Amino acid sequence: MSASVGLRRVLEPAGVLPQAAWRLDASPEIAADEVRIAVKRLNLDAASFRQLSEKHGGDGAAVRAEVLEIVGTRGKMHNPVTGSGGMLIGVVEEAGSESPLGLKPGDRVATLVSLTLTPLRITDALAGWDGKSEQIPAEGTAILFGRSVVGVLPDDLAPELALAVYDVCGAPALTDRIVREYERDVTVTVLGGAGKSGSLSLAAARLAGARTTAIVRDEAEAASVREAGLADAVAIADARNPVAVAEAVGDPATITVVCVDVPGCEHGAILATAPGGTVIFFSMATSFPAAADGADGLAADVTMIIGNGYVPGHAEFAVDLLRRVPAVRRLFEARIAGH
């Protein structure tokens, strides 16, 4: 067990799992159950990228320098403020003889586990990145453990597109599962419906038979969601304002999905959810104490779920959504082109 979850890579503090560790050993030599990946591109999670960009006032060089400092110090990309990381794509260089992942040298893969637990070494100083986008061209190595989750990149998607989809693939898969657990007349509200995880969650909910509402931050986002036809209703509201969110939603939803990458959205999500309903928190900016205390203080009978990013078959599910719903693909492609 200790080998399969990467305990040998933990440098400090001793005895914790790699995600909880402050520092990992990112050396490229692999154990028998490990796999070494030649890194090609990183994808910072939205909350981490926003925090770094706001901290440095949009100064890309400063953002790049801090990412390098985090990785160099910690042996992984684990933002100490947000506690989040992202994921990466690359090419398998070497697979240990006891690795259960079924990979071979030359496979083009995306890691479906967080960079917060992935030993990572950067060798090009991120010279090809301007610090102003979530996706980072990079060279270096990353290590996967026996219990890591990884996907071979599909041939019909550009690597940048596949990375963007895989980064949030847990959201639509779990949304689909929860919608199908309710018998009928399901309504789903997505806070942050114009973003990556939000648009996929809207598409998944509609295909599962739910009526959907997208809450977005401005008219430009509202127009993009309307044009894509992903929601039955679109409303503009500041997700951090509970009353504004509740008023924008109107009748409370059966399921509320939080995909906003800023803190302070917990209470609005709870107010927007009907008694007996479910709130799914996919944002890494979520304060779970605030969510728990908020539900208690509002006497809200709702089930609250942490979207942990993993659902069996989640990568295949998200890629299939992209293929089945061309409007979602266009949103993703426009987002990538905009960076």
C-alpha atoms as a PDB file:
ATOM      1  CA  MET A   1       0.000   0.000   0.000  1.00  0.00           C
ATOM      2  CA  SER A   2       2.710   2.513   0.964  1.00  0.00           C
ATOM      3  CA  ALA A   3       4.419   2.170  -2.401  1.00  0.00           C
ATOM      4  CA  SER A   4       1.224   2.326  -4.457  1.00  0.00           C
ATOM      5  CA  VAL A   5       0.147   5.668  -2.951  1.00  0.00           C
ATOM      6  CA  GLY A   6       3.589   7.267  -3.159  1.00  0.00           C
ATOM      7  CA  LEU A   7       4.720   7.397   0.476  1.00  0.00           C
ATOM      8  CA  ARG A   8       8.337   6.865  -0.545  1.00  0.00           C
ATOM      9  CA  ARG A   9       8.208  10.254  -2.277  1.00  0.00           C
ATOM     10  CA  VAL A  10       7.188  12.178   0.857  1.00  0.00           C
ATOM     11  CA  LEU A  11      10.086  14.193   2.287  1.00  0.00           C
ATOM     12  CA  GLU A  12       8.238  16.207   4.919  1.00  0.00           C
ATOM     13  CA  PRO A  13       6.392  15.781   7.115  1.00  0.00           C
ATOM     14  CA  ALA A  14       6.896  12.051   7.471  1.00  0.00           C
ATOM     15  CA  GLY A  15       3.920   9.723   7.555  1.00  0.00           C
ATOM     16  CA  VAL A  16       1.435  11.738   5.482  1.00  0.00           C
ATOM     17  CA  LEU A  17       0.168  11.047   1.990  1.00  0.00           C
ATOM     18  CA  PRO A  18       1.716  12.982  -0.927  1.00  0.00           C
ATOM     19  CA  GLN A  19      -1.162  15.433  -1.206  1.00  0.00           C
ATOM     20  CA  ALA A  20      -0.853  16.447   2.440  1.00  0.00           C
ATOM     21  CA  ALA A  21       2.934  16.653   2.312  1.00  0.00           C
ATOM     22  CA  TRP A  22       4.733  19.970   2.277  1.00  0.00           C
ATOM     23  CA  ARG A  23       7.529  18.621   0.079  1.00  0.00           C
ATOM     24  CA  LEU A  24       7.962  15.669  -2.275  1.00  0.00           C
ATOM     25  CA  ASP A  25      10.959  13.991  -3.868  1.00  0.00           C
ATOM     26  CA  ALA A  26      10.558  14.706  -7.580  1.00  0.00           C
ATOM     27  CA  SER A  27      13.710  12.910  -8.738  1.00  0.00           C
ATOM     28  CA  PRO A  28      13.232  11.182 -12.119  1.00  0.00           C
ATOM     29  CA  GLU A  29      14.475   7.729 -11.061  1.00  0.00           C
ATOM     30  CA  ILE A  30      11.438   5.476 -10.698  1.00  0.00           C
ATOM     31  CA  ALA A  31      10.544   2.582  -8.438  1.00  0.00           C
ATOM     32  CA  ALA A  32       9.100  -0.632  -9.836  1.00  0.00           C
ATOM     33  CA  ASP A  33       5.486   0.524  -9.483  1.00  0.00           C
ATOM     34  CA  GLU A  34       6.012   4.087 -10.749  1.00  0.00           C
ATOM     35  CA  VAL A  35       5.803   5.719 -14.176  1.00  0.00           C
ATOM     36  CA  ARG A  36       7.842   8.700 -15.368  1.00  0.00           C
ATOM     37  CA  ILE A  37       6.162  11.206 -17.662  1.00  0.00           C
ATOM     38  CA  ALA A  38       7.962  13.708 -19.901  1.00  0.00           C
ATOM     39  CA  VAL A  39       5.879  16.821 -19.226  1.00  0.00           C
ATOM     40  CA  LYS A  40       4.562  18.777 -22.209  1.00  0.00           C
ATOM     41  CA  ARG A  41       1.912  21.066 -20.718  1.00  0.00           C
ATOM     42  CA  LEU A  42       0.548  21.936 -17.283  1.00  0.00           C
ATOM     43  CA  ASN A  43      -2.953  23.186 -16.520  1.00  0.00           C
ATOM     44  CA  LEU A  44      -3.335  25.225 -13.339  1.00  0.00           C
ATOM     45  CA  ASP A  45      -6.736  24.898 -11.727  1.00  0.00           C
ATOM     46  CA  ALA A  46      -8.887  28.011 -12.055  1.00  0.00           C
ATOM     47  CA  ALA A  47      -8.832  28.983  -8.367  1.00  0.00           C
ATOM     48  CA  SER A  48      -5.046  28.773  -8.161  1.00  0.00           C
ATOM     49  CA  PHE A  49      -4.482  30.730 -11.369  1.00  0.00           C
ATOM     50  CA  ARG A  50      -6.917  33.451 -10.312  1.00  0.00           C
ATOM     51  CA  GLN A  51      -5.243  33.790  -6.899  1.00  0.00           C
ATOM     52  CA  LEU A  52      -1.781  34.071  -8.406  1.00  0.00           C
ATOM     53  CA  SER A  53      -2.897  36.533 -11.078  1.00  0.00           C
ATOM     54  CA  GLU A  54      -4.701  38.754  -8.586  1.00  0.00           C
ATOM     55  CA  LYS A  55      -1.800  38.631  -6.148  1.00  0.00           C
ATOM     56  CA  HIS A  56       0.600  39.880  -8.817  1.00  0.00           C
ATOM     57  CA  GLY A  57      -1.800  42.296 -10.503  1.00  0.00           C
ATOM     58  CA  GLY A  58      -1.707  40.403 -13.780  1.00  0.00           C
ATOM     59  CA  ASP A  59       2.101  40.552 -14.010  1.00  0.00           C
ATOM     60  CA  GLY A  60       2.769  37.372 -15.982  1.00  0.00           C
ATOM     61  CA  ALA A  61       6.484  37.287 -15.231  1.00  0.00           C
ATOM     62  CA  ALA A  62       5.768  37.420 -11.501  1.00  0.00           C
ATOM     63  CA  VAL A  63       3.160  34.668 -11.805  1.00  0.00           C
ATOM     64  CA  ARG A  64       5.632  32.492 -13.702  1.00  0.00           C
ATOM     65  CA  ALA A  65       8.320  33.122 -11.105  1.00  0.00           C
ATOM     66  CA  GLU A  66       6.003  32.114  -8.265  1.00  0.00           C
ATOM     67  CA  VAL A  67       4.901  28.910 -10.001  1.00  0.00           C
ATOM     68  CA  LEU A  68       8.563  28.004 -10.479  1.00  0.00           C
ATOM     69  CA  GLU A  69       9.257  28.809  -6.840  1.00  0.00           C
ATOM     70  CA  ILE A  70       6.361  26.631  -5.638  1.00  0.00           C
ATOM     71  CA  VAL A  71       7.401  23.662  -7.764  1.00  0.00           C
ATOM     72  CA  GLY A  72      11.082  24.073  -6.891  1.00  0.00           C
ATOM     73  CA  THR A  73      10.384  24.288  -3.167  1.00  0.00           C
ATOM     74  CA  ARG A  74       7.655  21.691  -2.831  1.00  0.00           C
ATOM     75  CA  GLY A  75       8.478  19.194  -5.582  1.00  0.00           C
ATOM     76  CA  LYS A  76       4.910  19.558  -6.850  1.00  0.00           C
ATOM     77  CA  MET A  77       2.554  22.315  -7.990  1.00  0.00           C
ATOM     78  CA  HIS A  78       0.601  22.843  -4.795  1.00  0.00           C
ATOM     79  CA  ASN A  79      -0.552  26.430  -4.272  1.00  0.00           C
ATOM     80  CA  PRO A  80      -0.127  27.078  -0.531  1.00  0.00           C
ATOM     81  CA  VAL A  81      -2.933  29.674  -0.506  1.00  0.00           C
ATOM     82  CA  THR A  82      -5.689  27.831  -2.369  1.00  0.00           C
ATOM     83  CA  GLY A  83      -4.458  24.322  -1.581  1.00  0.00           C
ATOM     84  CA  SER A  84      -5.022  23.381  -5.213  1.00  0.00           C
ATOM     85  CA  GLY A  85      -2.924  22.468  -8.214  1.00  0.00           C
ATOM     86  CA  GLY A  86      -4.173  21.312 -11.600  1.00  0.00           C
ATOM     87  CA  MET A  87      -3.064  18.528 -13.935  1.00  0.00           C
ATOM     88  CA  LEU A  88      -0.718  17.867 -16.857  1.00  0.00           C
ATOM     89  CA  ILE A  89      -0.235  16.135 -20.178  1.00  0.00           C
ATOM     90  CA  GLY A  90       2.909  14.459 -21.404  1.00  0.00           C
ATOM     91  CA  VAL A  91       4.491  11.358 -22.892  1.00  0.00           C
ATOM     92  CA  VAL A  92       5.400   8.203 -20.987  1.00  0.00           C
ATOM     93  CA  GLU A  93       9.202   7.874 -20.788  1.00  0.00           C
ATOM     94  CA  GLU A  94       9.472   4.811 -18.584  1.00  0.00           C
ATOM     95  CA  ALA A  95       7.065   2.452 -16.838  1.00  0.00           C
ATOM     96  CA  GLY A  96       8.181   0.335 -13.907  1.00  0.00           C
ATOM     97  CA  SER A  97       7.871  -3.426 -14.199  1.00  0.00           C
ATOM     98  CA  GLU A  98       5.245  -3.544 -11.434  1.00  0.00           C
ATOM     99  CA  SER A  99       3.152  -0.542 -12.487  1.00  0.00           C
ATOM    100  CA  PRO A 100      -0.553  -1.472 -12.728  1.00  0.00           C
ATOM    101  CA  LEU A 101      -1.409   1.492 -14.986  1.00  0.00           C
ATOM    102  CA  GLY A 102      -0.922  -0.364 -18.277  1.00  0.00           C
ATOM    103  CA  LEU A 103       1.223   2.359 -19.847  1.00  0.00           C
ATOM    104  CA  LYS A 104       4.158   1.984 -22.201  1.00  0.00           C
ATOM    105  CA  PRO A 105       6.855   4.387 -23.408  1.00  0.00           C
ATOM    106  CA  GLY A 106       5.510   6.732 -26.057  1.00  0.00           C
ATOM    107  CA  ASP A 107       1.921   6.853 -24.787  1.00  0.00           C
ATOM    108  CA  ARG A 108       0.486  10.398 -24.837  1.00  0.00           C
ATOM    109  CA  VAL A 109      -1.330  10.799 -21.539  1.00  0.00           C
ATOM    110  CA  ALA A 110      -3.122  13.185 -19.234  1.00  0.00           C
ATOM    111  CA  THR A 111      -2.798  12.766 -15.498  1.00  0.00           C
ATOM    112  CA  LEU A 112      -6.236  12.605 -13.917  1.00  0.00           C
ATOM    113  CA  VAL A 113      -4.886  13.209 -10.427  1.00  0.00           C
ATOM    114  CA  SER A 114      -4.040  16.583  -8.970  1.00  0.00           C
ATOM    115  CA  LEU A 115      -0.671  18.261  -9.298  1.00  0.00           C
ATOM    116  CA  THR A 116      -0.895  18.699  -5.517  1.00  0.00           C
ATOM    117  CA  LEU A 117       0.198  15.077  -5.140  1.00  0.00           C
ATOM    118  CA  THR A 118       2.233  14.568  -8.321  1.00  0.00           C
ATOM    119  CA  PRO A 119       6.048  14.749  -7.974  1.00  0.00           C
ATOM    120  CA  LEU A 120       7.038  17.379 -10.541  1.00  0.00           C
ATOM    121  CA  ARG A 121      10.348  18.718 -11.828  1.00  0.00           C
ATOM    122  CA  ILE A 122      10.567  21.647 -14.266  1.00  0.00           C
ATOM    123  CA  THR A 123      13.648  21.819 -16.500  1.00  0.00           C
ATOM    124  CA  ASP A 124      12.914  24.688 -18.930  1.00  0.00           C
ATOM    125  CA  ALA A 125      12.127  27.493 -16.425  1.00  0.00           C
ATOM    126  CA  LEU A 126       8.699  27.685 -18.136  1.00  0.00           C
ATOM    127  CA  ALA A 127      10.334  29.796 -20.824  1.00  0.00           C
ATOM    128  CA  GLY A 128       7.433  29.312 -23.238  1.00  0.00           C
ATOM    129  CA  TRP A 129       4.770  30.675 -20.865  1.00  0.00           C
ATOM    130  CA  ASP A 130       3.816  34.320 -20.449  1.00  0.00           C
ATOM    131  CA  GLY A 131       2.148  33.743 -17.073  1.00  0.00           C
ATOM    132  CA  LYS A 132      -1.222  34.931 -18.353  1.00  0.00           C
ATOM    133  CA  SER A 133      -3.077  31.680 -19.011  1.00  0.00           C
ATOM    134  CA  GLU A 134      -4.031  28.562 -17.100  1.00  0.00           C
ATOM    135  CA  GLN A 135      -2.272  26.304 -19.609  1.00  0.00           C
ATOM    136  CA  ILE A 136       1.519  26.247 -19.409  1.00  0.00           C
ATOM    137  CA  PRO A 137       3.870  24.849 -22.068  1.00  0.00           C
ATOM    138  CA  ALA A 138       6.528  23.105 -20.003  1.00  0.00           C
ATOM    139  CA  GLU A 139       9.380  20.634 -20.022  1.00  0.00           C
ATOM    140  CA  GLY A 140      10.289  18.403 -17.128  1.00  0.00           C
ATOM    141  CA  THR A 141       9.300  15.138 -15.511  1.00  0.00           C
ATOM    142  CA  ALA A 142       6.399  13.934 -13.402  1.00  0.00           C
ATOM    143  CA  ILE A 143       5.912  10.695 -11.484  1.00  0.00           C
ATOM    144  CA  LEU A 144       2.766   8.587 -11.289  1.00  0.00           C
ATOM    145  CA  PHE A 145       2.151   6.029  -8.532  1.00  0.00           C
ATOM    146  CA  GLY A 146       0.424   2.674  -8.634  1.00  0.00           C
ATOM    147  CA  ARG A 147      -2.877   4.216  -7.534  1.00  0.00           C
ATOM    148  CA  SER A 148      -2.655   7.253  -9.806  1.00  0.00           C
ATOM    149  CA  VAL A 149      -5.356   7.805 -12.419  1.00  0.00           C
ATOM    150  CA  VAL A 150      -4.298   8.521 -15.996  1.00  0.00           C
ATOM    151  CA  GLY A 151      -5.913   8.730 -19.414  1.00  0.00           C
ATOM    152  CA  VAL A 152      -4.440   8.164 -22.844  1.00  0.00           C
ATOM    153  CA  LEU A 153      -5.123  11.251 -24.978  1.00  0.00           C
ATOM    154  CA  PRO A 154      -7.792  10.774 -27.660  1.00  0.00           C
ATOM    155  CA  ASP A 155      -6.547  11.075 -31.236  1.00  0.00           C
ATOM    156  CA  ASP A 156      -9.405  13.357 -32.367  1.00  0.00           C
ATOM    157  CA  LEU A 157      -8.756  16.154 -29.843  1.00  0.00           C
ATOM    158  CA  ALA A 158      -5.912  18.639 -29.827  1.00  0.00           C
ATOM    159  CA  PRO A 159      -3.781  18.143 -26.694  1.00  0.00           C
ATOM    160  CA  GLU A 160      -4.699  21.606 -25.392  1.00  0.00           C
ATOM    161  CA  LEU A 161      -8.397  20.823 -25.762  1.00  0.00           C
ATOM    162  CA  ALA A 162      -8.092  17.408 -24.158  1.00  0.00           C
ATOM    163  CA  LEU A 163      -6.196  18.920 -21.225  1.00  0.00           C
ATOM    164  CA  ALA A 164      -8.873  21.551 -20.672  1.00  0.00           C
ATOM    165  CA  VAL A 165     -11.608  18.889 -20.654  1.00  0.00           C
ATOM    166  CA  TYR A 166      -9.751  16.419 -18.458  1.00  0.00           C
ATOM    167  CA  ASP A 167      -9.017  19.189 -15.959  1.00  0.00           C
ATOM    168  CA  VAL A 168     -12.716  19.366 -15.038  1.00  0.00           C
ATOM    169  CA  CYS A 169     -14.028  15.962 -16.113  1.00  0.00           C
ATOM    170  CA  GLY A 170     -15.224  14.998 -12.641  1.00  0.00           C
ATOM    171  CA  ALA A 171     -17.853  17.754 -12.612  1.00  0.00           C
ATOM    172  CA  PRO A 172     -20.132  16.575 -15.446  1.00  0.00           C
ATOM    173  CA  ALA A 173     -19.808  12.923 -14.471  1.00  0.00           C
ATOM    174  CA  LEU A 174     -20.914  13.542 -10.892  1.00  0.00           C
ATOM    175  CA  THR A 175     -23.645  15.938 -12.010  1.00  0.00           C
ATOM    176  CA  ASP A 176     -25.016  13.233 -14.287  1.00  0.00           C
ATOM    177  CA  ARG A 177     -24.931  10.689 -11.461  1.00  0.00           C
ATOM    178  CA  ILE A 178     -26.755  12.935  -8.976  1.00  0.00           C
ATOM    179  CA  VAL A 179     -29.418  14.017 -11.487  1.00  0.00           C
ATOM    180  CA  ARG A 180     -30.217  10.377 -12.226  1.00  0.00           C
ATOM    181  CA  GLU A 181     -30.612   9.605  -8.530  1.00  0.00           C
ATOM    182  CA  TYR A 182     -33.734  11.808  -8.449  1.00  0.00           C
ATOM    183  CA  GLU A 183     -36.841  10.277  -9.977  1.00  0.00           C
ATOM    184  CA  ARG A 184     -38.400  13.166 -11.937  1.00  0.00           C
ATOM    185  CA  ASP A 185     -38.854  16.907 -12.358  1.00  0.00           C
ATOM    186  CA  VAL A 186     -35.227  17.658 -11.609  1.00  0.00           C
ATOM    187  CA  THR A 187     -33.958  21.213 -11.886  1.00  0.00           C
ATOM    188  CA  VAL A 188     -30.276  22.054 -11.873  1.00  0.00           C
ATOM    189  CA  THR A 189     -28.677  25.450 -11.247  1.00  0.00           C
ATOM    190  CA  VAL A 190     -25.019  25.903 -12.131  1.00  0.00           C
ATOM    191  CA  LEU A 191     -23.149  28.808 -10.570  1.00  0.00           C
ATOM    192  CA  GLY A 192     -20.419  29.694 -13.040  1.00  0.00           C
ATOM    193  CA  GLY A 193     -22.254  28.163 -15.971  1.00  0.00           C
ATOM    194  CA  ALA A 194     -20.054  29.798 -18.620  1.00  0.00           C
ATOM    195  CA  GLY A 195     -16.806  28.231 -17.427  1.00  0.00           C
ATOM    196  CA  LYS A 196     -15.224  24.893 -18.256  1.00  0.00           C
ATOM    197  CA  SER A 197     -16.726  22.772 -15.507  1.00  0.00           C
ATOM    198  CA  GLY A 198     -19.938  24.792 -15.546  1.00  0.00           C
ATOM    199  CA  SER A 199     -20.662  24.358 -19.249  1.00  0.00           C
ATOM    200  CA  LEU A 200     -19.949  20.634 -19.127  1.00  0.00           C
ATOM    201  CA  SER A 201     -22.161  20.267 -16.039  1.00  0.00           C
ATOM    202  CA  LEU A 202     -25.011  22.083 -17.788  1.00  0.00           C
ATOM    203  CA  ALA A 203     -24.678  19.797 -20.794  1.00  0.00           C
ATOM    204  CA  ALA A 204     -24.593  16.686 -18.608  1.00  0.00           C
ATOM    205  CA  ALA A 205     -27.643  17.786 -16.630  1.00  0.00           C
ATOM    206  CA  ARG A 206     -29.708  18.474 -19.743  1.00  0.00           C
ATOM    207  CA  LEU A 207     -28.786  15.145 -21.347  1.00  0.00           C
ATOM    208  CA  ALA A 208     -29.825  13.444 -18.097  1.00  0.00           C
ATOM    209  CA  GLY A 209     -33.253  15.051 -18.377  1.00  0.00           C
ATOM    210  CA  ALA A 210     -32.998  18.033 -16.024  1.00  0.00           C
ATOM    211  CA  ARG A 211     -34.192  21.574 -16.585  1.00  0.00           C
ATOM    212  CA  THR A 212     -31.189  23.870 -16.225  1.00  0.00           C
ATOM    213  CA  THR A 213     -30.407  27.388 -15.081  1.00  0.00           C
ATOM    214  CA  ALA A 214     -27.018  29.039 -15.545  1.00  0.00           C
ATOM    215  CA  ILE A 215     -25.884  31.797 -13.205  1.00  0.00           C
ATOM    216  CA  VAL A 216     -23.140  33.902 -14.803  1.00  0.00           C
ATOM    217  CA  ARG A 217     -21.286  37.068 -13.861  1.00  0.00           C
ATOM    218  CA  ASP A 218     -21.978  39.405 -16.802  1.00  0.00           C
ATOM    219  CA  GLU A 219     -23.798  39.883 -20.090  1.00  0.00           C
ATOM    220  CA  ALA A 220     -20.882  38.563 -22.169  1.00  0.00           C
ATOM    221  CA  GLU A 221     -21.001  35.239 -20.336  1.00  0.00           C
ATOM    222  CA  ALA A 222     -24.795  35.196 -20.531  1.00  0.00           C
ATOM    223  CA  ALA A 223     -24.648  35.685 -24.298  1.00  0.00           C
ATOM    224  CA  SER A 224     -22.174  32.821 -24.724  1.00  0.00           C
ATOM    225  CA  VAL A 225     -24.355  30.397 -22.750  1.00  0.00           C
ATOM    226  CA  ARG A 226     -27.514  31.487 -24.593  1.00  0.00           C
ATOM    227  CA  GLU A 227     -25.792  31.099 -27.956  1.00  0.00           C
ATOM    228  CA  ALA A 228     -24.628  27.630 -26.978  1.00  0.00           C
ATOM    229  CA  GLY A 229     -28.146  26.672 -25.916  1.00  0.00           C
ATOM    230  CA  LEU A 230     -26.883  24.934 -22.782  1.00  0.00           C
ATOM    231  CA  ALA A 231     -29.455  26.268 -20.311  1.00  0.00           C
ATOM    232  CA  ASP A 232     -33.220  26.705 -20.191  1.00  0.00           C
ATOM    233  CA  ALA A 233     -32.682  29.937 -18.276  1.00  0.00           C
ATOM    234  CA  VAL A 234     -29.703  32.254 -17.862  1.00  0.00           C
ATOM    235  CA  ALA A 235     -29.381  34.889 -15.162  1.00  0.00           C
ATOM    236  CA  ILE A 236     -26.675  37.356 -14.169  1.00  0.00           C
ATOM    237  CA  ALA A 237     -25.730  37.573 -10.503  1.00  0.00           C
ATOM    238  CA  ASP A 238     -22.695  37.888  -8.274  1.00  0.00           C
ATOM    239  CA  ALA A 239     -22.321  34.356  -6.907  1.00  0.00           C
ATOM    240  CA  ARG A 240     -20.894  35.829  -3.696  1.00  0.00           C
ATOM    241  CA  ASN A 241     -24.179  37.643  -2.975  1.00  0.00           C
ATOM    242  CA  PRO A 242     -26.598  35.086  -1.476  1.00  0.00           C
ATOM    243  CA  VAL A 243     -29.726  37.179  -1.898  1.00  0.00           C
ATOM    244  CA  ALA A 244     -28.876  38.078  -5.488  1.00  0.00           C
ATOM    245  CA  VAL A 245     -28.288  34.417  -6.332  1.00  0.00           C
ATOM    246  CA  ALA A 246     -31.553  33.302  -4.715  1.00  0.00           C
ATOM    247  CA  GLU A 247     -33.495  36.014  -6.556  1.00  0.00           C
ATOM    248  CA  ALA A 248     -31.845  35.148  -9.873  1.00  0.00           C
ATOM    249  CA  VAL A 249     -32.677  31.448  -9.496  1.00  0.00           C
ATOM    250  CA  GLY A 250     -36.282  32.003  -8.456  1.00  0.00           C
ATOM    251  CA  ASP A 251     -37.793  28.664  -7.491  1.00  0.00           C
ATOM    252  CA  PRO A 252     -35.043  26.758  -5.640  1.00  0.00           C
ATOM    253  CA  ALA A 253     -33.346  24.023  -7.636  1.00  0.00           C
ATOM    254  CA  THR A 254     -33.224  20.327  -6.918  1.00  0.00           C
ATOM    255  CA  ILE A 255     -29.458  20.400  -7.471  1.00  0.00           C
ATOM    256  CA  THR A 256     -27.054  23.326  -7.352  1.00  0.00           C
ATOM    257  CA  VAL A 257     -23.575  22.909  -8.819  1.00  0.00           C
ATOM    258  CA  VAL A 258     -20.916  25.415  -7.748  1.00  0.00           C
ATOM    259  CA  CYS A 259     -18.245  25.938 -10.413  1.00  0.00           C
ATOM    260  CA  VAL A 260     -17.134  29.470  -9.489  1.00  0.00           C
ATOM    261  CA  ASP A 261     -13.419  29.988  -8.867  1.00  0.00           C
ATOM    262  CA  VAL A 262     -13.795  32.684  -6.181  1.00  0.00           C
ATOM    263  CA  PRO A 263     -14.505  32.251  -2.454  1.00  0.00           C
ATOM    264  CA  GLY A 264     -17.727  33.245  -0.765  1.00  0.00           C
ATOM    265  CA  CYS A 265     -20.293  31.400  -2.904  1.00  0.00           C
ATOM    266  CA  GLU A 266     -21.417  28.859  -0.316  1.00  0.00           C
ATOM    267  CA  HIS A 267     -24.443  30.635   1.149  1.00  0.00           C
ATOM    268  CA  GLY A 268     -25.909  31.613  -2.203  1.00  0.00           C
ATOM    269  CA  ALA A 269     -25.726  28.008  -3.353  1.00  0.00           C
ATOM    270  CA  ILE A 270     -27.512  26.833  -0.225  1.00  0.00           C
ATOM    271  CA  LEU A 271     -30.279  29.445  -0.554  1.00  0.00           C
ATOM    272  CA  ALA A 272     -30.747  28.466  -4.193  1.00  0.00           C
ATOM    273  CA  THR A 273     -31.379  24.795  -3.341  1.00  0.00           C
ATOM    274  CA  ALA A 274     -34.745  23.306  -2.423  1.00  0.00           C
ATOM    275  CA  PRO A 275     -35.325  21.343   0.802  1.00  0.00           C
ATOM    276  CA  GLY A 276     -34.179  17.779   0.220  1.00  0.00           C
ATOM    277  CA  GLY A 277     -31.936  18.929  -2.606  1.00  0.00           C
ATOM    278  CA  THR A 278     -28.214  18.603  -3.200  1.00  0.00           C
ATOM    279  CA  VAL A 279     -25.387  21.114  -3.480  1.00  0.00           C
ATOM    280  CA  ILE A 280     -22.260  19.947  -5.317  1.00  0.00           C
ATOM    281  CA  PHE A 281     -19.179  22.053  -4.606  1.00  0.00           C
ATOM    282  CA  PHE A 282     -16.658  21.755  -7.438  1.00  0.00           C
ATOM    283  CA  SER A 283     -14.805  24.978  -6.777  1.00  0.00           C
ATOM    284  CA  MET A 284     -11.472  24.671  -4.979  1.00  0.00           C
ATOM    285  CA  ALA A 285     -12.211  28.139  -3.569  1.00  0.00           C
ATOM    286  CA  THR A 286     -15.011  26.675  -1.434  1.00  0.00           C
ATOM    287  CA  SER A 287     -14.814  27.032   2.343  1.00  0.00           C
ATOM    288  CA  PHE A 288     -16.336  23.853   3.647  1.00  0.00           C
ATOM    289  CA  PRO A 289     -16.692  25.214   7.213  1.00  0.00           C
ATOM    290  CA  ALA A 290     -18.598  28.171   5.730  1.00  0.00           C
ATOM    291  CA  ALA A 291     -20.820  25.773   3.811  1.00  0.00           C
ATOM    292  CA  ALA A 292     -21.552  23.627   6.859  1.00  0.00           C
ATOM    293  CA  ASP A 293     -22.161  26.564   9.178  1.00  0.00           C
ATOM    294  CA  GLY A 294     -24.212  28.338   6.533  1.00  0.00           C
ATOM    295  CA  ALA A 295     -26.536  25.383   6.031  1.00  0.00           C
ATOM    296  CA  ASP A 296     -26.926  25.085   9.784  1.00  0.00           C
ATOM    297  CA  GLY A 297     -27.635  28.791  10.218  1.00  0.00           C
ATOM    298  CA  LEU A 298     -30.169  28.821   7.402  1.00  0.00           C
ATOM    299  CA  ALA A 299     -31.900  25.641   8.653  1.00  0.00           C
ATOM    300  CA  ALA A 300     -31.324  24.217   5.205  1.00  0.00           C
ATOM    301  CA  ASP A 301     -32.157  20.550   4.699  1.00  0.00           C
ATOM    302  CA  VAL A 302     -29.714  19.975   1.850  1.00  0.00           C
ATOM    303  CA  THR A 303     -27.099  17.357   1.133  1.00  0.00           C
ATOM    304  CA  MET A 304     -23.706  18.901   0.415  1.00  0.00           C
ATOM    305  CA  ILE A 305     -21.177  17.005  -1.676  1.00  0.00           C
ATOM    306  CA  ILE A 306     -17.514  17.733  -2.236  1.00  0.00           C
ATOM    307  CA  GLY A 307     -16.746  17.157  -5.894  1.00  0.00           C
ATOM    308  CA  ASN A 308     -13.465  15.312  -5.452  1.00  0.00           C
ATOM    309  CA  GLY A 309     -12.651  15.217  -9.161  1.00  0.00           C
ATOM    310  CA  TYR A 310     -12.881  11.447  -9.524  1.00  0.00           C
ATOM    311  CA  VAL A 311     -15.840   9.420 -10.724  1.00  0.00           C
ATOM    312  CA  PRO A 312     -15.257   6.075 -12.462  1.00  0.00           C
ATOM    313  CA  GLY A 313     -15.253   6.690 -16.212  1.00  0.00           C
ATOM    314  CA  HIS A 314     -15.211  10.468 -15.787  1.00  0.00           C
ATOM    315  CA  ALA A 315     -12.657  11.208 -18.518  1.00  0.00           C
ATOM    316  CA  GLU A 316     -14.466   9.166 -21.139  1.00  0.00           C
ATOM    317  CA  PHE A 317     -17.781  10.706 -20.081  1.00  0.00           C
ATOM    318  CA  ALA A 318     -16.505  14.275 -20.491  1.00  0.00           C
ATOM    319  CA  VAL A 319     -14.870  13.615 -23.851  1.00  0.00           C
ATOM    320  CA  ASP A 320     -18.075  11.984 -25.074  1.00  0.00           C
ATOM    321  CA  LEU A 321     -20.013  15.096 -23.983  1.00  0.00           C
ATOM    322  CA  LEU A 322     -17.635  17.257 -25.994  1.00  0.00           C
ATOM    323  CA  ARG A 323     -18.256  15.110 -29.054  1.00  0.00           C
ATOM    324  CA  ARG A 324     -22.043  14.963 -28.583  1.00  0.00           C
ATOM    325  CA  VAL A 325     -22.569  18.662 -27.822  1.00  0.00           C
ATOM    326  CA  PRO A 326     -20.743  20.771 -30.426  1.00  0.00           C
ATOM    327  CA  ALA A 327     -21.674  23.981 -28.604  1.00  0.00           C
ATOM    328  CA  VAL A 328     -19.623  22.909 -25.597  1.00  0.00           C
ATOM    329  CA  ARG A 329     -16.669  22.134 -27.818  1.00  0.00           C
ATOM    330  CA  ARG A 330     -16.917  25.597 -29.346  1.00  0.00           C
ATOM    331  CA  LEU A 331     -16.912  27.191 -25.890  1.00  0.00           C
ATOM    332  CA  PHE A 332     -13.786  25.268 -24.930  1.00  0.00           C
ATOM    333  CA  GLU A 333     -12.022  26.064 -28.186  1.00  0.00           C
ATOM    334  CA  ALA A 334     -12.864  29.765 -27.836  1.00  0.00           C
ATOM    335  CA  ARG A 335     -11.529  29.780 -24.287  1.00  0.00           C
ATOM    336  CA  ILE A 336      -8.264  28.179 -25.380  1.00  0.00           C
ATOM    337  CA  ALA A 337      -7.923  30.554 -28.342  1.00  0.00           C
ATOM    338  CA  GLY A 338      -8.583  33.507 -26.033  1.00  0.00           C
ATOM    339  CA  HIS A 339      -5.533  32.608 -23.961  1.00  0.00           C
END
